[in-house]
C-alpha atoms as a PDB file:
ATOM      1  CA  UNK A   1      59.990  26.978  10.079  1.00  0.00           C
ATOM      2  CA  UNK A   2      61.887  25.037   7.343  1.00  0.00           C
ATOM      3  CA  UNK A   3      60.029  22.387   5.485  1.00  0.00           C
ATOM      4  CA  UNK A   4      60.813  18.814   6.544  1.00  0.00           C
ATOM      5  CA  UNK A   5      62.476  16.735   3.813  1.00  0.00           C
ATOM      6  CA  UNK A   6      60.809  13.679   2.378  1.00  0.00           C
ATOM      7  CA  UNK A   7      63.611  11.533   3.816  1.00  0.00           C
ATOM      8  CA  UNK A   8      63.167  13.007   7.316  1.00  0.00           C
ATOM      9  CA  UNK A   9      59.404  12.567   7.072  1.00  0.00           C
ATOM     10  CA  UNK A  10      59.794   8.916   6.121  1.00  0.00           C
ATOM     11  CA  UNK A  11      62.262   8.367   8.933  1.00  0.00           C
ATOM     12  CA  UNK A  12      59.902  10.004  11.465  1.00  0.00           C
ATOM     13  CA  UNK A  13      57.027   7.913  10.222  1.00  0.00           C
ATOM     14  CA  UNK A  14      59.059   4.701  10.504  1.00  0.00           C
ATOM     15  CA  UNK A  15      60.091   5.704  14.010  1.00  0.00           C
ATOM     16  CA  UNK A  16      56.443   6.003  15.039  1.00  0.00           C
ATOM     17  CA  UNK A  17      55.497   2.706  13.384  1.00  0.00           C
ATOM     18  CA  UNK A  18      58.371   0.949  15.141  1.00  0.00           C
ATOM     19  CA  UNK A  19      57.357   2.419  18.501  1.00  0.00           C
ATOM     20  CA  UNK A  20      53.740   1.364  17.944  1.00  0.00           C
ATOM     21  CA  UNK A  21      54.796  -2.141  17.039  1.00  0.00           C
ATOM     22  CA  UNK A  22      56.833  -2.474  20.203  1.00  0.00           C
ATOM     23  CA  UNK A  23      53.889  -1.204  22.259  1.00  0.00           C
ATOM     24  CA  UNK A  24      51.377  -3.411  20.532  1.00  0.00           C
ATOM     25  CA  UNK A  25      53.573  -6.518  20.898  1.00  0.00           C
ATOM     26  CA  UNK A  26      53.940  -5.848  24.661  1.00  0.00           C
ATOM     27  CA  UNK A  27      50.516  -4.614  25.689  1.00  0.00           C
ATOM     28  CA  UNK A  28      48.142  -5.212  22.764  1.00  0.00           C
ATOM     29  CA  UNK A  29      46.296  -3.002  20.345  1.00  0.00           C
ATOM     30  CA  UNK A  30      43.562  -1.848  22.649  1.00  0.00           C
ATOM     31  CA  UNK A  31      45.669  -1.408  25.751  1.00  0.00           C
ATOM     32  CA  UNK A  32      47.991   0.959  23.828  1.00  0.00           C
ATOM     33  CA  UNK A  33      47.106   4.638  23.370  1.00  0.00           C
ATOM     34  CA  UNK A  34      48.434   7.199  20.947  1.00  0.00           C
ATOM     35  CA  UNK A  35      50.205   8.967  23.896  1.00  0.00           C
ATOM     36  CA  UNK A  36      51.825   5.625  24.743  1.00  0.00           C
ATOM     37  CA  UNK A  37      53.111   5.400  21.167  1.00  0.00           C
ATOM     38  CA  UNK A  38      54.419   8.961  21.252  1.00  0.00           C
ATOM     39  CA  UNK A  39      56.209   8.311  24.531  1.00  0.00           C
ATOM     40  CA  UNK A  40      57.787   5.106  23.161  1.00  0.00           C
ATOM     41  CA  UNK A  41      58.944   7.008  20.058  1.00  0.00           C
ATOM     42  CA  UNK A  42      60.293   9.882  22.086  1.00  0.00           C
ATOM     43  CA  UNK A  43      58.136  12.489  20.308  1.00  0.00           C
ATOM     44  CA  UNK A  44      55.476  14.947  21.320  1.00  0.00           C
ATOM     45  CA  UNK A  45      51.942  13.652  22.003  1.00  0.00           C
ATOM     46  CA  UNK A  46      50.591  15.196  18.810  1.00  0.00           C
ATOM     47  CA  UNK A  47      53.400  13.970  16.562  1.00  0.00           C
ATOM     48  CA  UNK A  48      51.896  10.637  15.545  1.00  0.00           C
ATOM     49  CA  UNK A  49      48.825  12.488  14.187  1.00  0.00           C
ATOM     50  CA  UNK A  50      50.994  14.276  11.629  1.00  0.00           C
ATOM     51  CA  UNK A  51      51.468  10.890   9.970  1.00  0.00           C
ATOM     52  CA  UNK A  52      48.438   8.838  10.927  1.00  0.00           C
ATOM     53  CA  UNK A  53      44.785   9.848  11.290  1.00  0.00           C
ATOM     54  CA  UNK A  54      44.215   7.299  14.047  1.00  0.00           C
ATOM     55  CA  UNK A  55      45.651   4.391  15.917  1.00  0.00           C
ATOM     56  CA  UNK A  56      43.646   2.010  13.708  1.00  0.00           C
ATOM     57  CA  UNK A  57      45.526   3.297  10.688  1.00  0.00           C
ATOM     58  CA  UNK A  58      48.793   2.305  12.391  1.00  0.00           C
ATOM     59  CA  UNK A  59      47.314  -1.087  13.203  1.00  0.00           C
ATOM     60  CA  UNK A  60      46.371  -1.696   9.597  1.00  0.00           C
ATOM     61  CA  UNK A  61      49.896  -0.828   8.382  1.00  0.00           C
ATOM     62  CA  UNK A  62      51.592  -3.110  10.950  1.00  0.00           C
ATOM     63  CA  UNK A  63      49.116  -5.916  10.207  1.00  0.00           C
ATOM     64  CA  UNK A  64      50.018  -5.525   6.523  1.00  0.00           C
ATOM     65  CA  UNK A  65      53.712  -5.902   7.360  1.00  0.00           C
ATOM     66  CA  UNK A  66      52.940  -9.016   9.408  1.00  0.00           C
ATOM     67  CA  UNK A  67      50.905 -10.645   6.639  1.00  0.00           C
ATOM     68  CA  UNK A  68      53.633  -9.838   4.075  1.00  0.00           C
ATOM     69  CA  UNK A  69      56.166 -11.553   6.366  1.00  0.00           C
ATOM     70  CA  UNK A  70      54.096 -14.711   6.154  1.00  0.00           C
ATOM     71  CA  UNK A  71      53.097 -14.706   2.507  1.00  0.00           C
ATOM     72  CA  UNK A  72      55.678 -12.864   0.349  1.00  0.00           C
ATOM     73  CA  UNK A  73      58.445 -15.506   0.681  1.00  0.00           C
ATOM     74  CA  UNK A  74      55.881 -18.240   0.015  1.00  0.00           C
ATOM     75  CA  UNK A  75      54.811 -16.479  -3.166  1.00  0.00           C
ATOM     76  CA  UNK A  76      58.422 -16.170  -4.339  1.00  0.00           C
ATOM     77  CA  UNK A  77      59.008 -19.845  -3.658  1.00  0.00           C
ATOM     78  CA  UNK A  78      55.914 -20.759  -5.646  1.00  0.00           C
ATOM     79  CA  UNK A  79      56.956 -18.590  -8.597  1.00  0.00           C
ATOM     80  CA  UNK A  80      60.332 -20.337  -8.759  1.00  0.00           C
ATOM     81  CA  UNK A  81      59.195 -23.964  -8.463  1.00  0.00           C
ATOM     82  CA  UNK A  82      57.289 -26.255 -10.872  1.00  0.00           C
ATOM     83  CA  UNK A  83      57.421 -29.696  -9.162  1.00  0.00           C
ATOM     84  CA  UNK A  84      56.610 -28.942  -5.494  1.00  0.00           C
ATOM     85  CA  UNK A  85      54.972 -31.219  -2.963  1.00  0.00           C
ATOM     86  CA  UNK A  86      52.577 -30.086  -0.284  1.00  0.00           C
ATOM     87  CA  UNK A  87      55.367 -30.533   2.291  1.00  0.00           C
ATOM     88  CA  UNK A  88      57.711 -28.378   0.212  1.00  0.00           C
ATOM     89  CA  UNK A  89      55.167 -25.547   0.355  1.00  0.00           C
ATOM     90  CA  UNK A  90      54.640 -25.806   4.080  1.00  0.00           C
ATOM     91  CA  UNK A  91      58.415 -25.883   4.722  1.00  0.00           C
ATOM     92  CA  UNK A  92      58.882 -22.808   2.531  1.00  0.00           C
ATOM     93  CA  UNK A  93      56.052 -21.026   4.335  1.00  0.00           C
ATOM     94  CA  UNK A  94      57.354 -21.450   7.873  1.00  0.00           C
ATOM     95  CA  UNK A  95      61.006 -20.630   7.287  1.00  0.00           C
ATOM     96  CA  UNK A  96      60.545 -16.825   7.219  1.00  0.00           C
ATOM     97  CA  UNK A  97      58.355 -16.699  10.294  1.00  0.00           C
ATOM     98  CA  UNK A  98      60.841 -18.622  12.378  1.00  0.00           C
ATOM     99  CA  UNK A  99      63.671 -16.168  11.743  1.00  0.00           C
ATOM    100  CA  UNK A 100      64.777 -13.300  13.973  1.00  0.00           C
ATOM    101  CA  UNK A 101      64.680 -10.297  11.669  1.00  0.00           C
ATOM    102  CA  UNK A 102      62.511  -9.279   8.696  1.00  0.00           C
ATOM    103  CA  UNK A 103      61.817  -6.106   6.725  1.00  0.00           C
ATOM    104  CA  UNK A 104      58.759  -3.865   6.897  1.00  0.00           C
ATOM    105  CA  UNK A 105      57.046  -2.201   3.964  1.00  0.00           C
ATOM    106  CA  UNK A 106      59.708   0.543   3.941  1.00  0.00           C
ATOM    107  CA  UNK A 107      62.595  -1.971   3.980  1.00  0.00           C
ATOM    108  CA  UNK A 108      63.511  -1.316   7.601  1.00  0.00           C
ATOM    109  CA  UNK A 109      64.760  -4.304   9.648  1.00  0.00           C
ATOM    110  CA  UNK A 110      62.329  -5.309  12.383  1.00  0.00           C
ATOM    111  CA  UNK A 111      62.107  -8.185  14.882  1.00  0.00           C
ATOM    112  CA  UNK A 112      60.044 -11.072  13.620  1.00  0.00           C
ATOM    113  CA  UNK A 113      58.737 -11.727  17.120  1.00  0.00           C
ATOM    114  CA  UNK A 114      57.134  -8.304  17.261  1.00  0.00           C
ATOM    115  CA  UNK A 115      55.478  -8.798  13.872  1.00  0.00           C
ATOM    116  CA  UNK A 116      54.109 -12.229  14.789  1.00  0.00           C
ATOM    117  CA  UNK A 117      52.648 -10.962  18.061  1.00  0.00           C
ATOM    118  CA  UNK A 118      50.905  -8.213  16.081  1.00  0.00           C
ATOM    119  CA  UNK A 119      49.758 -10.771  13.473  1.00  0.00           C
ATOM    120  CA  UNK A 120      47.958 -12.887  16.054  1.00  0.00           C
ATOM    121  CA  UNK A 121      46.226  -9.793  17.409  1.00  0.00           C
ATOM    122  CA  UNK A 122      45.357  -8.739  13.856  1.00  0.00           C
ATOM    123  CA  UNK A 123      43.484 -11.974  13.246  1.00  0.00           C
ATOM    124  CA  UNK A 124      41.182 -11.018  16.088  1.00  0.00           C
ATOM    125  CA  UNK A 125      40.778  -7.541  14.604  1.00  0.00           C
ATOM    126  CA  UNK A 126      39.449  -9.079  11.352  1.00  0.00           C
ATOM    127  CA  UNK A 127      36.161  -9.746  13.202  1.00  0.00           C
ATOM    128  CA  UNK A 128      35.571  -6.102  13.954  1.00  0.00           C
ATOM    129  CA  UNK A 129      37.503  -4.063  11.381  1.00  0.00           C
ATOM    130  CA  UNK A 130      35.968  -4.340   7.895  1.00  0.00           C
ATOM    131  CA  UNK A 131      38.826  -2.509   6.147  1.00  0.00           C
ATOM    132  CA  UNK A 132      41.474  -4.817   7.660  1.00  0.00           C
ATOM    133  CA  UNK A 133      39.351  -7.880   6.990  1.00  0.00           C
ATOM    134  CA  UNK A 134      38.917  -6.932   3.300  1.00  0.00           C
ATOM    135  CA  UNK A 135      42.656  -6.316   2.939  1.00  0.00           C
ATOM    136  CA  UNK A 136      43.474  -9.613   4.604  1.00  0.00           C
ATOM    137  CA  UNK A 137      40.897 -11.509   2.476  1.00  0.00           C
ATOM    138  CA  UNK A 138      42.306 -10.093  -0.717  1.00  0.00           C
ATOM    139  CA  UNK A 139      45.848 -11.072   0.297  1.00  0.00           C
ATOM    140  CA  UNK A 140      44.668 -14.525   1.472  1.00  0.00           C
ATOM    141  CA  UNK A 141      42.890 -15.229  -1.805  1.00  0.00           C
ATOM    142  CA  UNK A 142      45.820 -14.061  -3.862  1.00  0.00           C
ATOM    143  CA  UNK A 143      48.244 -16.368  -2.065  1.00  0.00           C
ATOM    144  CA  UNK A 144      45.785 -19.237  -1.991  1.00  0.00           C
ATOM    145  CA  UNK A 145      45.317 -19.060  -5.769  1.00  0.00           C
ATOM    146  CA  UNK A 146      49.067 -19.106  -6.392  1.00  0.00           C
ATOM    147  CA  UNK A 147      49.560 -22.057  -4.074  1.00  0.00           C
ATOM    148  CA  UNK A 148      46.716 -23.863  -5.896  1.00  0.00           C
ATOM    149  CA  UNK A 149      48.435 -23.176  -9.187  1.00  0.00           C
ATOM    150  CA  UNK A 150      51.663 -24.597  -7.771  1.00  0.00           C
ATOM    151  CA  UNK A 151      49.782 -27.751  -6.687  1.00  0.00           C
ATOM    152  CA  UNK A 152      48.308 -28.067 -10.181  1.00  0.00           C
ATOM    153  CA  UNK A 153      51.832 -27.887 -11.592  1.00  0.00           C
ATOM    154  CA  UNK A 154      52.864 -30.539  -9.047  1.00  0.00           C
ATOM    155  CA  UNK A 155      50.053 -32.827 -10.179  1.00  0.00           C
ATOM    156  CA  UNK A 156      51.268 -32.509 -13.788  1.00  0.00           C
ATOM    157  CA  UNK A 157      54.842 -33.186 -12.654  1.00  0.00           C
ATOM    158  CA  UNK A 158      53.780 -36.195 -10.528  1.00  0.00           C
ATOM    159  CA  UNK A 159      54.897 -34.703  -7.176  1.00  0.00           C
ATOM    160  CA  UNK A 160      51.347 -34.107  -5.999  1.00  0.00           C
ATOM    161  CA  UNK A 161      48.786 -36.884  -5.949  1.00  0.00           C
ATOM    162  CA  UNK A 162      46.107 -36.439  -8.653  1.00  0.00           C
ATOM    163  CA  UNK A 163      43.217 -36.889  -6.185  1.00  0.00           C
ATOM    164  CA  UNK A 164      44.248 -33.886  -4.135  1.00  0.00           C
ATOM    165  CA  UNK A 165      42.064 -30.904  -5.016  1.00  0.00           C
ATOM    166  CA  UNK A 166      44.469 -27.924  -5.555  1.00  0.00           C
ATOM    167  CA  UNK A 167      42.145 -25.333  -4.100  1.00  0.00           C
ATOM    168  CA  UNK A 168      41.511 -27.319  -0.916  1.00  0.00           C
ATOM    169  CA  UNK A 169      45.174 -28.316  -0.779  1.00  0.00           C
ATOM    170  CA  UNK A 170      46.136 -24.618  -0.793  1.00  0.00           C
ATOM    171  CA  UNK A 171      43.913 -24.081   2.235  1.00  0.00           C
ATOM    172  CA  UNK A 172      45.713 -26.907   4.004  1.00  0.00           C
ATOM    173  CA  UNK A 173      49.090 -25.296   3.376  1.00  0.00           C
ATOM    174  CA  UNK A 174      47.868 -21.923   4.725  1.00  0.00           C
ATOM    175  CA  UNK A 175      46.161 -23.587   7.722  1.00  0.00           C
ATOM    176  CA  UNK A 176      49.422 -25.244   8.670  1.00  0.00           C
ATOM    177  CA  UNK A 177      51.293 -21.951   8.344  1.00  0.00           C
ATOM    178  CA  UNK A 178      48.722 -20.135  10.561  1.00  0.00           C
ATOM    179  CA  UNK A 179      48.785 -22.950  13.105  1.00  0.00           C
ATOM    180  CA  UNK A 180      52.579 -22.912  13.230  1.00  0.00           C
ATOM    181  CA  UNK A 181      52.621 -19.122  13.768  1.00  0.00           C
ATOM    182  CA  UNK A 182      50.186 -19.441  16.674  1.00  0.00           C
ATOM    183  CA  UNK A 183      52.105 -22.266  18.339  1.00  0.00           C
ATOM    184  CA  UNK A 184      55.492 -20.602  17.720  1.00  0.00           C
ATOM    185  CA  UNK A 185      54.408 -17.209  19.110  1.00  0.00           C
ATOM    186  CA  UNK A 186      51.870 -18.020  21.795  1.00  0.00           C
ATOM    187  CA  UNK A 187      53.216 -21.303  23.097  1.00  0.00           C
ATOM    188  CA  UNK A 188      56.936 -21.141  22.346  1.00  0.00           C
ATOM    189  CA  UNK A 189      56.945 -24.280  20.184  1.00  0.00           C
ATOM    190  CA  UNK A 190      59.958 -23.210  18.129  1.00  0.00           C
ATOM    191  CA  UNK A 191      61.419 -26.473  16.912  1.00  0.00           C
ATOM    192  CA  UNK A 192      61.191 -25.431  13.250  1.00  0.00           C
ATOM    193  CA  UNK A 193      63.406 -28.198  11.942  1.00  0.00           C
ATOM    194  CA  UNK A 194      61.431 -30.859  13.779  1.00  0.00           C
ATOM    195  CA  UNK A 195      58.124 -29.372  12.594  1.00  0.00           C
ATOM    196  CA  UNK A 196      59.323 -29.439   8.931  1.00  0.00           C
ATOM    197  CA  UNK A 197      60.553 -33.030   9.322  1.00  0.00           C
ATOM    198  CA  UNK A 198      57.302 -34.196  10.818  1.00  0.00           C
ATOM    199  CA  UNK A 199      55.250 -32.336   8.218  1.00  0.00           C
ATOM    200  CA  UNK A 200      57.118 -34.311   5.530  1.00  0.00           C
ATOM    201  CA  UNK A 201      56.459 -37.571   7.343  1.00  0.00           C
ATOM    202  CA  UNK A 202      52.805 -36.756   7.897  1.00  0.00           C
ATOM    203  CA  UNK A 203      52.300 -35.664   4.262  1.00  0.00           C
ATOM    204  CA  UNK A 204      54.444 -38.271   2.703  1.00  0.00           C
ATOM    205  CA  UNK A 205      51.384 -39.687   0.904  1.00  0.00           C
ATOM    206  CA  UNK A 206      50.978 -36.461  -1.092  1.00  0.00           C
ATOM    207  CA  UNK A 207      53.960 -37.118  -3.362  1.00  0.00           C
ATOM    208  CA  UNK A 208      57.726 -37.713  -3.486  1.00  0.00           C
ATOM    209  CA  UNK A 209      59.773 -35.946  -0.880  1.00  0.00           C
ATOM    210  CA  UNK A 210      62.438 -33.519  -2.064  1.00  0.00           C
ATOM    211  CA  UNK A 211      63.541 -29.936  -1.727  1.00  0.00           C
ATOM    212  CA  UNK A 212      64.099 -28.218   1.595  1.00  0.00           C
ATOM    213  CA  UNK A 213      65.482 -30.351   4.494  1.00  0.00           C
END
């Protein structure tokens, strides 16, 4: 039997991940079996095990994609801005999660709705899966620290009030992002423009308003 090329192997792996994501978003992590994933992908029952040791390994990968969707754009915004307000950060955080398509770790286009459904389930998994919790904590702390640094820069620039503690302020930004994701995905509250407007009104005491509409 000829050896499979690296490109073909990567494509097969992405096919299985995409199938798992669709299954998880419809039925949940624990209601989906490896045979379900194989059937969705149109491959043999044993095929997923050529790429993943277990269903949990697939869950961890998809959860990582979901967390990157939420945090990577925010990190890029933070790196490019020196005089942000708290409202600017919240607006930048929710833009990517209210889109229709994103990219996974391999650069493949995927529906945002599927990722967010998996993200909400992944939060529950943090309580029982130590490896996923450690991965999520490391990512959370990294993003929180960068947001805190942005708020410190904002204090120096006069766009963030000096009495706001940057570390606690960073947690507020992330809490609003998490809350928006839950409301958007679970309850269909998808008025992103209205949410951003009201965030700016509610947080108007944290500094001058500028930046994203």
